[in-house]
Amino acid sequence: MSAIPAFVDLAAVADILGELGNEVEQLGVTLCLDPDVASRHIEALQAFDLIAQKQRGLAALLRADCPVTALAALGLEDLKQRLGSPFDRE
């Protein structure tokens, strides 16, 4: 196993998360264009959308100048709770 680098470019991580979010969303859109697939797998297709939203939300947090403000602006309550709030620790 290789050593973890001491520095990771968080902007690059954010870019990759954003790209993955877009790719997952596009995959879901492509599958939704097939009416048979869409009607049989609507819940799974909705999961694609949620995955993409979470990836883009994480990317926004990594890019943010103020993570507290970015976390407050995050529209995904489940993700917000999992990441916690600095105000919850007081």
PDB file of N, CA and C in Angstrom:
ATOM      1  N   MET A   1       0.844  -1.169   0.000  1.00  0.00           N
ATOM      2  CA  MET A   1       0.000   0.000   0.000  1.00  0.00           C
ATOM      3  C   MET A   1       0.893   1.237   0.000  1.00  0.00           C
ATOM      4  N   SER A   2       0.565   2.213  -0.836  1.00  0.00           N
ATOM      5  CA  SER A   2       1.385   3.414  -0.910  1.00  0.00           C
ATOM      6  C   SER A   2       0.977   4.413   0.166  1.00  0.00           C
ATOM      7  N   ALA A   3       1.896   5.296   0.475  1.00  0.00           N
ATOM      8  CA  ALA A   3       1.642   6.313   1.489  1.00  0.00           C
ATOM      9  C   ALA A   3       0.678   7.359   0.945  1.00  0.00           C
ATOM     10  N   ILE A   4      -0.110   7.941   1.834  1.00  0.00           N
ATOM     11  CA  ILE A   4      -1.033   9.002   1.467  1.00  0.00           C
ATOM     12  C   ILE A   4      -0.233  10.298   1.373  1.00  0.00           C
ATOM     13  N   PRO A   5      -0.408  11.041   0.285  1.00  0.00           N
ATOM     14  CA  PRO A   5       0.343  12.290   0.170  1.00  0.00           C
ATOM     15  C   PRO A   5      -0.032  13.249   1.303  1.00  0.00           C
ATOM     16  N   ALA A   6       0.936  14.047   1.713  1.00  0.00           N
ATOM     17  CA  ALA A   6       0.709  14.998   2.802  1.00  0.00           C
ATOM     18  C   ALA A   6      -0.234  16.105   2.371  1.00  0.00           C
ATOM     19  N   PHE A   7      -0.308  16.376   1.078  1.00  0.00           N
ATOM     20  CA  PHE A   7      -1.160  17.439   0.579  1.00  0.00           C
ATOM     21  C   PHE A   7      -2.046  16.881  -0.529  1.00  0.00           C
ATOM     22  N   VAL A   8      -3.318  17.149  -0.426  1.00  0.00           N
ATOM     23  CA  VAL A   8      -4.259  16.773  -1.475  1.00  0.00           C
ATOM     24  C   VAL A   8      -4.907  18.060  -1.962  1.00  0.00           C
ATOM     25  N   ASP A   9      -4.930  18.251  -3.246  1.00  0.00           N
ATOM     26  CA  ASP A   9      -5.534  19.442  -3.837  1.00  0.00           C
ATOM     27  C   ASP A   9      -7.056  19.291  -3.771  1.00  0.00           C
ATOM     28  N   LEU A  10      -7.673  19.954  -2.774  1.00  0.00           N
ATOM     29  CA  LEU A  10      -9.116  19.819  -2.569  1.00  0.00           C
ATOM     30  C   LEU A  10      -9.914  20.404  -3.722  1.00  0.00           C
ATOM     31  N   ALA A  11      -9.367  21.383  -4.423  1.00  0.00           N
ATOM     32  CA  ALA A  11     -10.047  21.918  -5.600  1.00  0.00           C
ATOM     33  C   ALA A  11     -10.134  20.850  -6.692  1.00  0.00           C
ATOM     34  N   ALA A  12      -9.080  20.069  -6.832  1.00  0.00           N
ATOM     35  CA  ALA A  12      -9.096  18.978  -7.820  1.00  0.00           C
ATOM     36  C   ALA A  12     -10.091  17.901  -7.408  1.00  0.00           C
ATOM     37  N   VAL A  13     -10.148  17.595  -6.111  1.00  0.00           N
ATOM     38  CA  VAL A  13     -11.133  16.630  -5.611  1.00  0.00           C
ATOM     39  C   VAL A  13     -12.537  17.145  -5.897  1.00  0.00           C
ATOM     40  N   ALA A  14     -12.771  18.433  -5.648  1.00  0.00           N
ATOM     41  CA  ALA A  14     -14.081  19.039  -5.921  1.00  0.00           C
ATOM     42  C   ALA A  14     -14.423  18.948  -7.402  1.00  0.00           C
ATOM     43  N   ASP A  15     -13.451  19.212  -8.262  1.00  0.00           N
ATOM     44  CA  ASP A  15     -13.689  19.114  -9.706  1.00  0.00           C
ATOM     45  C   ASP A  15     -14.088  17.701 -10.104  1.00  0.00           C
ATOM     46  N   ILE A  16     -13.394  16.720  -9.552  1.00  0.00           N
ATOM     47  CA  ILE A  16     -13.699  15.327  -9.881  1.00  0.00           C
ATOM     48  C   ILE A  16     -15.088  14.946  -9.376  1.00  0.00           C
ATOM     49  N   LEU A  17     -15.417  15.355  -8.146  1.00  0.00           N
ATOM     50  CA  LEU A  17     -16.758  15.076  -7.621  1.00  0.00           C
ATOM     51  C   LEU A  17     -17.831  15.718  -8.505  1.00  0.00           C
ATOM     52  N   GLY A  18     -17.584  16.947  -8.939  1.00  0.00           N
ATOM     53  CA  GLY A  18     -18.534  17.617  -9.818  1.00  0.00           C
ATOM     54  C   GLY A  18     -18.694  16.889 -11.149  1.00  0.00           C
ATOM     55  N   GLU A  19     -17.579  16.456 -11.720  1.00  0.00           N
ATOM     56  CA  GLU A  19     -17.624  15.707 -12.981  1.00  0.00           C
ATOM     57  C   GLU A  19     -18.394  14.406 -12.805  1.00  0.00           C
ATOM     58  N   LEU A  20     -18.119  13.697 -11.713  1.00  0.00           N
ATOM     59  CA  LEU A  20     -18.827  12.445 -11.455  1.00  0.00           C
ATOM     60  C   LEU A  20     -20.325  12.684 -11.275  1.00  0.00           C
ATOM     61  N   GLY A  21     -20.660  13.761 -10.577  1.00  0.00           N
ATOM     62  CA  GLY A  21     -22.074  14.101 -10.404  1.00  0.00           C
ATOM     63  C   GLY A  21     -22.756  14.316 -11.740  1.00  0.00           C
ATOM     64  N   ASN A  22     -22.089  15.049 -12.620  1.00  0.00           N
ATOM     65  CA  ASN A  22     -22.660  15.290 -13.952  1.00  0.00           C
ATOM     66  C   ASN A  22     -22.784  13.998 -14.751  1.00  0.00           C
ATOM     67  N   GLU A  23     -21.785  13.135 -14.654  1.00  0.00           N
ATOM     68  CA  GLU A  23     -21.823  11.867 -15.395  1.00  0.00           C
ATOM     69  C   GLU A  23     -22.929  10.954 -14.883  1.00  0.00           C
ATOM     70  N   VAL A  24     -23.090  10.881 -13.569  1.00  0.00           N
ATOM     71  CA  VAL A  24     -24.145  10.040 -12.985  1.00  0.00           C
ATOM     72  C   VAL A  24     -25.513  10.579 -13.396  1.00  0.00           C
ATOM     73  N   GLU A  25     -25.664  11.901 -13.339  1.00  0.00           N
ATOM     74  CA  GLU A  25     -26.937  12.505 -13.738  1.00  0.00           C
ATOM     75  C   GLU A  25     -27.237  12.227 -15.203  1.00  0.00           C
ATOM     76  N   GLN A  26     -26.232  12.349 -16.062  1.00  0.00           N
ATOM     77  CA  GLN A  26     -26.436  12.095 -17.492  1.00  0.00           C
ATOM     78  C   GLN A  26     -26.804  10.634 -17.738  1.00  0.00           C
ATOM     79  N   LEU A  27     -26.185   9.732 -16.987  1.00  0.00           N
ATOM     80  CA  LEU A  27     -26.543   8.321 -17.106  1.00  0.00           C
ATOM     81  C   LEU A  27     -28.015   8.113 -16.750  1.00  0.00           C
ATOM     82  N   GLY A  28     -28.455   8.743 -15.669  1.00  0.00           N
ATOM     83  CA  GLY A  28     -29.864   8.642 -15.280  1.00  0.00           C
ATOM     84  C   GLY A  28     -30.789   9.197 -16.340  1.00  0.00           C
ATOM     85  N   VAL A  29     -30.415  10.340 -16.916  1.00  0.00           N
ATOM     86  CA  VAL A  29     -31.231  10.944 -17.979  1.00  0.00           C
ATOM     87  C   VAL A  29     -31.312  10.000 -19.173  1.00  0.00           C
ATOM     88  N   THR A  30     -30.185   9.440 -19.558  1.00  0.00           N
ATOM     89  CA  THR A  30     -30.162   8.518 -20.699  1.00  0.00           C
ATOM     90  C   THR A  30     -31.085   7.319 -20.451  1.00  0.00           C
ATOM     91  N   LEU A  31     -31.020   6.768 -19.252  1.00  0.00           N
ATOM     92  CA  LEU A  31     -31.869   5.621 -18.937  1.00  0.00           C
ATOM     93  C   LEU A  31     -33.351   6.006 -18.874  1.00  0.00           C
ATOM     94  N   CYS A  32     -33.632   7.223 -18.429  1.00  0.00           N
ATOM     95  CA  CYS A  32     -35.021   7.689 -18.367  1.00  0.00           C
ATOM     96  C   CYS A  32     -35.636   7.868 -19.747  1.00  0.00           C
ATOM     97  N   LEU A  33     -34.804   8.051 -20.759  1.00  0.00           N
ATOM     98  CA  LEU A  33     -35.319   8.223 -22.111  1.00  0.00           C
ATOM     99  C   LEU A  33     -35.937   6.943 -22.665  1.00  0.00           C
ATOM    100  N   ASP A  34     -35.627   5.824 -22.055  1.00  0.00           N
ATOM    101  CA  ASP A  34     -36.235   4.555 -22.452  1.00  0.00           C
ATOM    102  C   ASP A  34     -37.461   4.343 -21.560  1.00  0.00           C
ATOM    103  N   PRO A  35     -38.663   4.455 -22.096  1.00  0.00           N
ATOM    104  CA  PRO A  35     -39.873   4.361 -21.273  1.00  0.00           C
ATOM    105  C   PRO A  35     -39.996   3.041 -20.510  1.00  0.00           C
ATOM    106  N   ASP A  36     -39.534   1.956 -21.103  1.00  0.00           N
ATOM    107  CA  ASP A  36     -39.605   0.665 -20.416  1.00  0.00           C
ATOM    108  C   ASP A  36     -38.702   0.646 -19.192  1.00  0.00           C
ATOM    109  N   VAL A  37     -37.484   1.144 -19.354  1.00  0.00           N
ATOM    110  CA  VAL A  37     -36.540   1.207 -18.234  1.00  0.00           C
ATOM    111  C   VAL A  37     -37.082   2.143 -17.165  1.00  0.00           C
ATOM    112  N   ALA A  38     -37.559   3.302 -17.595  1.00  0.00           N
ATOM    113  CA  ALA A  38     -38.062   4.294 -16.647  1.00  0.00           C
ATOM    114  C   ALA A  38     -39.231   3.740 -15.830  1.00  0.00           C
ATOM    115  N   SER A  39     -40.154   3.074 -16.482  1.00  0.00           N
ATOM    116  CA  SER A  39     -41.323   2.571 -15.751  1.00  0.00           C
ATOM    117  C   SER A  39     -40.972   1.423 -14.814  1.00  0.00           C
ATOM    118  N   ARG A  40     -39.998   0.628 -15.158  1.00  0.00           N
ATOM    119  CA  ARG A  40     -39.633  -0.518 -14.307  1.00  0.00           C
ATOM    120  C   ARG A  40     -38.645  -0.169 -13.209  1.00  0.00           C
ATOM    121  N   HIS A  41     -37.909   0.927 -13.365  1.00  0.00           N
ATOM    122  CA  HIS A  41     -36.812   1.207 -12.428  1.00  0.00           C
ATOM    123  C   HIS A  41     -36.810   2.645 -11.919  1.00  0.00           C
ATOM    124  N   ILE A  42     -37.981   3.217 -11.717  1.00  0.00           N
ATOM    125  CA  ILE A  42     -38.057   4.627 -11.360  1.00  0.00           C
ATOM    126  C   ILE A  42     -37.327   4.927 -10.046  1.00  0.00           C
ATOM    127  N   GLU A  43     -37.433   4.061  -9.044  1.00  0.00           N
ATOM    128  CA  GLU A  43     -36.757   4.322  -7.765  1.00  0.00           C
ATOM    129  C   GLU A  43     -35.232   4.293  -7.926  1.00  0.00           C
ATOM    130  N   ALA A  44     -34.739   3.353  -8.693  1.00  0.00           N
ATOM    131  CA  ALA A  44     -33.299   3.283  -8.932  1.00  0.00           C
ATOM    132  C   ALA A  44     -32.832   4.508  -9.716  1.00  0.00           C
ATOM    133  N   LEU A  45     -33.640   4.962 -10.653  1.00  0.00           N
ATOM    134  CA  LEU A  45     -33.278   6.142 -11.433  1.00  0.00           C
ATOM    135  C   LEU A  45     -33.274   7.400 -10.563  1.00  0.00           C
ATOM    136  N   GLN A  46     -34.183   7.462  -9.594  1.00  0.00           N
ATOM    137  CA  GLN A  46     -34.179   8.586  -8.660  1.00  0.00           C
ATOM    138  C   GLN A  46     -32.923   8.553  -7.791  1.00  0.00           C
ATOM    139  N   ALA A  47     -32.414   7.368  -7.517  1.00  0.00           N
ATOM    140  CA  ALA A  47     -31.179   7.238  -6.739  1.00  0.00           C
ATOM    141  C   ALA A  47     -29.999   7.848  -7.500  1.00  0.00           C
ATOM    142  N   PHE A  48     -29.979   7.713  -8.827  1.00  0.00           N
ATOM    143  CA  PHE A  48     -28.932   8.346  -9.633  1.00  0.00           C
ATOM    144  C   PHE A  48     -28.935   9.852  -9.376  1.00  0.00           C
ATOM    145  N   ASP A  49     -30.125  10.441  -9.372  1.00  0.00           N
ATOM    146  CA  ASP A  49     -30.237  11.879  -9.154  1.00  0.00           C
ATOM    147  C   ASP A  49     -29.735  12.272  -7.775  1.00  0.00           C
ATOM    148  N   LEU A  50     -30.092  11.513  -6.756  1.00  0.00           N
ATOM    149  CA  LEU A  50     -29.653  11.825  -5.394  1.00  0.00           C
ATOM    150  C   LEU A  50     -28.132  11.703  -5.264  1.00  0.00           C
ATOM    151  N   ILE A  51     -27.561  10.682  -5.879  1.00  0.00           N
ATOM    152  CA  ILE A  51     -26.103  10.517  -5.861  1.00  0.00           C
ATOM    153  C   ILE A  51     -25.441  11.742  -6.493  1.00  0.00           C
ATOM    154  N   ALA A  52     -25.959  12.175  -7.633  1.00  0.00           N
ATOM    155  CA  ALA A  52     -25.395  13.338  -8.322  1.00  0.00           C
ATOM    156  C   ALA A  52     -25.512  14.594  -7.458  1.00  0.00           C
ATOM    157  N   GLN A  53     -26.653  14.773  -6.795  1.00  0.00           N
ATOM    158  CA  GLN A  53     -26.829  15.936  -5.925  1.00  0.00           C
ATOM    159  C   GLN A  53     -25.827  15.921  -4.773  1.00  0.00           C
ATOM    160  N   LYS A  54     -25.628  14.760  -4.174  1.00  0.00           N
ATOM    161  CA  LYS A  54     -24.676  14.653  -3.065  1.00  0.00           C
ATOM    162  C   LYS A  54     -23.252  14.941  -3.535  1.00  0.00           C
ATOM    163  N   GLN A  55     -22.894  14.428  -4.690  1.00  0.00           N
ATOM    164  CA  GLN A  55     -21.549  14.663  -5.205  1.00  0.00           C
ATOM    165  C   GLN A  55     -21.323  16.149  -5.467  1.00  0.00           C
ATOM    166  N   ARG A  56     -22.307  16.801  -6.076  1.00  0.00           N
ATOM    167  CA  ARG A  56     -22.155  18.230  -6.345  1.00  0.00           C
ATOM    168  C   ARG A  56     -22.176  19.040  -5.046  1.00  0.00           C
ATOM    169  N   GLY A  57     -22.945  18.607  -4.060  1.00  0.00           N
ATOM    170  CA  GLY A  57     -22.954  19.278  -2.771  1.00  0.00           C
ATOM    171  C   GLY A  57     -21.614  19.182  -2.070  1.00  0.00           C
ATOM    172  N   LEU A  58     -21.015  18.012  -2.094  1.00  0.00           N
ATOM    173  CA  LEU A  58     -19.685  17.839  -1.504  1.00  0.00           C
ATOM    174  C   LEU A  58     -18.651  18.674  -2.246  1.00  0.00           C
ATOM    175  N   ALA A  59     -18.774  18.730  -3.555  1.00  0.00           N
ATOM    176  CA  ALA A  59     -17.853  19.546  -4.341  1.00  0.00           C
ATOM    177  C   ALA A  59     -17.977  21.012  -3.946  1.00  0.00           C
ATOM    178  N   ALA A  60     -19.197  21.481  -3.759  1.00  0.00           N
ATOM    179  CA  ALA A  60     -19.405  22.879  -3.365  1.00  0.00           C
ATOM    180  C   ALA A  60     -18.786  23.158  -2.001  1.00  0.00           C
ATOM    181  N   LEU A  61     -18.899  22.211  -1.081  1.00  0.00           N
ATOM    182  CA  LEU A  61     -18.289  22.393   0.240  1.00  0.00           C
ATOM    183  C   LEU A  61     -16.772  22.482   0.141  1.00  0.00           C
ATOM    184  N   LEU A  62     -16.185  21.654  -0.700  1.00  0.00           N
ATOM    185  CA  LEU A  62     -14.734  21.676  -0.850  1.00  0.00           C
ATOM    186  C   LEU A  62     -14.242  22.963  -1.498  1.00  0.00           C
ATOM    187  N   ARG A  63     -15.064  23.564  -2.354  1.00  0.00           N
ATOM    188  CA  ARG A  63     -14.674  24.791  -3.041  1.00  0.00           C
ATOM    189  C   ARG A  63     -14.942  26.046  -2.213  1.00  0.00           C
ATOM    190  N   ALA A  64     -15.753  25.929  -1.191  1.00  0.00           N
ATOM    191  CA  ALA A  64     -16.251  27.100  -0.466  1.00  0.00           C
ATOM    192  C   ALA A  64     -15.154  27.842   0.297  1.00  0.00           C
ATOM    193  N   ASP A  65     -15.242  29.160   0.262  1.00  0.00           N
ATOM    194  CA  ASP A  65     -14.360  29.984   1.091  1.00  0.00           C
ATOM    195  C   ASP A  65     -14.764  29.870   2.555  1.00  0.00           C
ATOM    196  N   CYS A  66     -16.067  29.697   2.795  1.00  0.00           N
ATOM    197  CA  CYS A  66     -16.582  29.564   4.157  1.00  0.00           C
ATOM    198  C   CYS A  66     -17.409  28.282   4.234  1.00  0.00           C
ATOM    199  N   PRO A  67     -16.811  27.187   4.722  1.00  0.00           N
ATOM    200  CA  PRO A  67     -17.536  25.919   4.794  1.00  0.00           C
ATOM    201  C   PRO A  67     -18.806  25.979   5.637  1.00  0.00           C
ATOM    202  N   VAL A  68     -18.834  26.822   6.672  1.00  0.00           N
ATOM    203  CA  VAL A  68     -20.032  26.927   7.517  1.00  0.00           C
ATOM    204  C   VAL A  68     -21.200  27.475   6.703  1.00  0.00           C
ATOM    205  N   THR A  69     -20.941  28.522   5.928  1.00  0.00           N
ATOM    206  CA  THR A  69     -21.973  29.104   5.079  1.00  0.00           C
ATOM    207  C   THR A  69     -22.392  28.114   3.994  1.00  0.00           C
ATOM    208  N   ALA A  70     -21.426  27.428   3.409  1.00  0.00           N
ATOM    209  CA  ALA A  70     -21.725  26.452   2.359  1.00  0.00           C
ATOM    210  C   ALA A  70     -22.552  25.295   2.909  1.00  0.00           C
ATOM    211  N   LEU A  71     -22.233  24.852   4.126  1.00  0.00           N
ATOM    212  CA  LEU A  71     -23.000  23.770   4.743  1.00  0.00           C
ATOM    213  C   LEU A  71     -24.423  24.227   5.010  1.00  0.00           C
ATOM    214  N   ALA A  72     -24.592  25.455   5.470  1.00  0.00           N
ATOM    215  CA  ALA A  72     -25.931  25.983   5.730  1.00  0.00           C
ATOM    216  C   ALA A  72     -26.742  26.078   4.436  1.00  0.00           C
ATOM    217  N   ALA A  73     -26.075  26.367   3.319  1.00  0.00           N
ATOM    218  CA  ALA A  73     -26.754  26.516   2.035  1.00  0.00           C
ATOM    219  C   ALA A  73     -27.042  25.174   1.356  1.00  0.00           C
ATOM    220  N   LEU A  74     -26.439  24.120   1.851  1.00  0.00           N
ATOM    221  CA  LEU A  74     -26.614  22.799   1.250  1.00  0.00           C
ATOM    222  C   LEU A  74     -28.072  22.366   1.363  1.00  0.00           C
ATOM    223  N   GLY A  75     -28.664  21.982   0.262  1.00  0.00           N
ATOM    224  CA  GLY A  75     -30.086  21.643   0.247  1.00  0.00           C
ATOM    225  C   GLY A  75     -30.411  20.232   0.693  1.00  0.00           C
ATOM    226  N   LEU A  76     -29.437  19.422   0.942  1.00  0.00           N
ATOM    227  CA  LEU A  76     -29.672  18.019   1.287  1.00  0.00           C
ATOM    228  C   LEU A  76     -29.564  17.842   2.808  1.00  0.00           C
ATOM    229  N   GLU A  77     -30.692  17.757   3.473  1.00  0.00           N
ATOM    230  CA  GLU A  77     -30.706  17.701   4.933  1.00  0.00           C
ATOM    231  C   GLU A  77     -29.944  16.487   5.474  1.00  0.00           C
ATOM    232  N   ASP A  78     -30.090  15.339   4.827  1.00  0.00           N
ATOM    233  CA  ASP A  78     -29.391  14.135   5.284  1.00  0.00           C
ATOM    234  C   ASP A  78     -27.880  14.344   5.253  1.00  0.00           C
ATOM    235  N   LEU A  79     -27.410  14.927   4.182  1.00  0.00           N
ATOM    236  CA  LEU A  79     -25.977  15.188   4.046  1.00  0.00           C
ATOM    237  C   LEU A  79     -25.528  16.219   5.077  1.00  0.00           C
ATOM    238  N   LYS A  80     -26.333  17.252   5.287  1.00  0.00           N
ATOM    239  CA  LYS A  80     -26.025  18.259   6.304  1.00  0.00           C
ATOM    240  C   LYS A  80     -25.861  17.614   7.676  1.00  0.00           C
ATOM    241  N   GLN A  81     -26.796  16.752   8.029  1.00  0.00           N
ATOM    242  CA  GLN A  81     -26.743  16.096   9.342  1.00  0.00           C
ATOM    243  C   GLN A  81     -25.522  15.198   9.458  1.00  0.00           C
ATOM    244  N   ARG A  82     -25.209  14.487   8.408  1.00  0.00           N
ATOM    245  CA  ARG A  82     -24.051  13.587   8.457  1.00  0.00           C
ATOM    246  C   ARG A  82     -22.747  14.356   8.594  1.00  0.00           C
ATOM    247  N   LEU A  83     -22.673  15.508   7.975  1.00  0.00           N
ATOM    248  CA  LEU A  83     -21.461  16.317   8.047  1.00  0.00           C
ATOM    249  C   LEU A  83     -21.407  17.119   9.338  1.00  0.00           C
ATOM    250  N   GLY A  84     -22.555  17.332   9.933  1.00  0.00           N
ATOM    251  CA  GLY A  84     -22.613  18.050  11.202  1.00  0.00           C
ATOM    252  C   GLY A  84     -22.486  19.539  11.022  1.00  0.00           C
ATOM    253  N   SER A  85     -22.722  20.208  12.099  1.00  0.00           N
ATOM    254  CA  SER A  85     -22.621  21.661  12.131  1.00  0.00           C
ATOM    255  C   SER A  85     -21.712  22.038  13.283  1.00  0.00           C
ATOM    256  N   PRO A  86     -20.872  23.035  13.094  1.00  0.00           N
ATOM    257  CA  PRO A  86     -20.014  23.451  14.208  1.00  0.00           C
ATOM    258  C   PRO A  86     -20.834  23.938  15.381  1.00  0.00           C
ATOM    259  N   PHE A  87     -22.064  24.372  15.141  1.00  0.00           N
ATOM    260  CA  PHE A  87     -22.907  24.862  16.220  1.00  0.00           C
ATOM    261  C   PHE A  87     -23.479  23.718  17.055  1.00  0.00           C
ATOM    262  N   ASP A  88     -23.506  22.516  16.488  1.00  0.00           N
ATOM    263  CA  ASP A  88     -24.006  21.334  17.226  1.00  0.00           C
ATOM    264  C   ASP A  88     -23.024  20.892  18.290  1.00  0.00           C
ATOM    265  N   ARG A  89     -21.773  21.318  18.206  1.00  0.00           N
ATOM    266  CA  ARG A  89     -20.725  20.836  19.104  1.00  0.00           C
ATOM    267  C   ARG A  89     -20.528  21.749  20.312  1.00  0.00           C
ATOM    268  N   GLU A  90     -21.281  22.830  20.378  1.00  0.00           N
ATOM    269  CA  GLU A  90     -21.088  23.770  21.492  1.00  0.00           C
ATOM    270  C   GLU A  90     -21.759  23.261  22.752  1.00  0.00           C
TER     271      GLU A  90
END
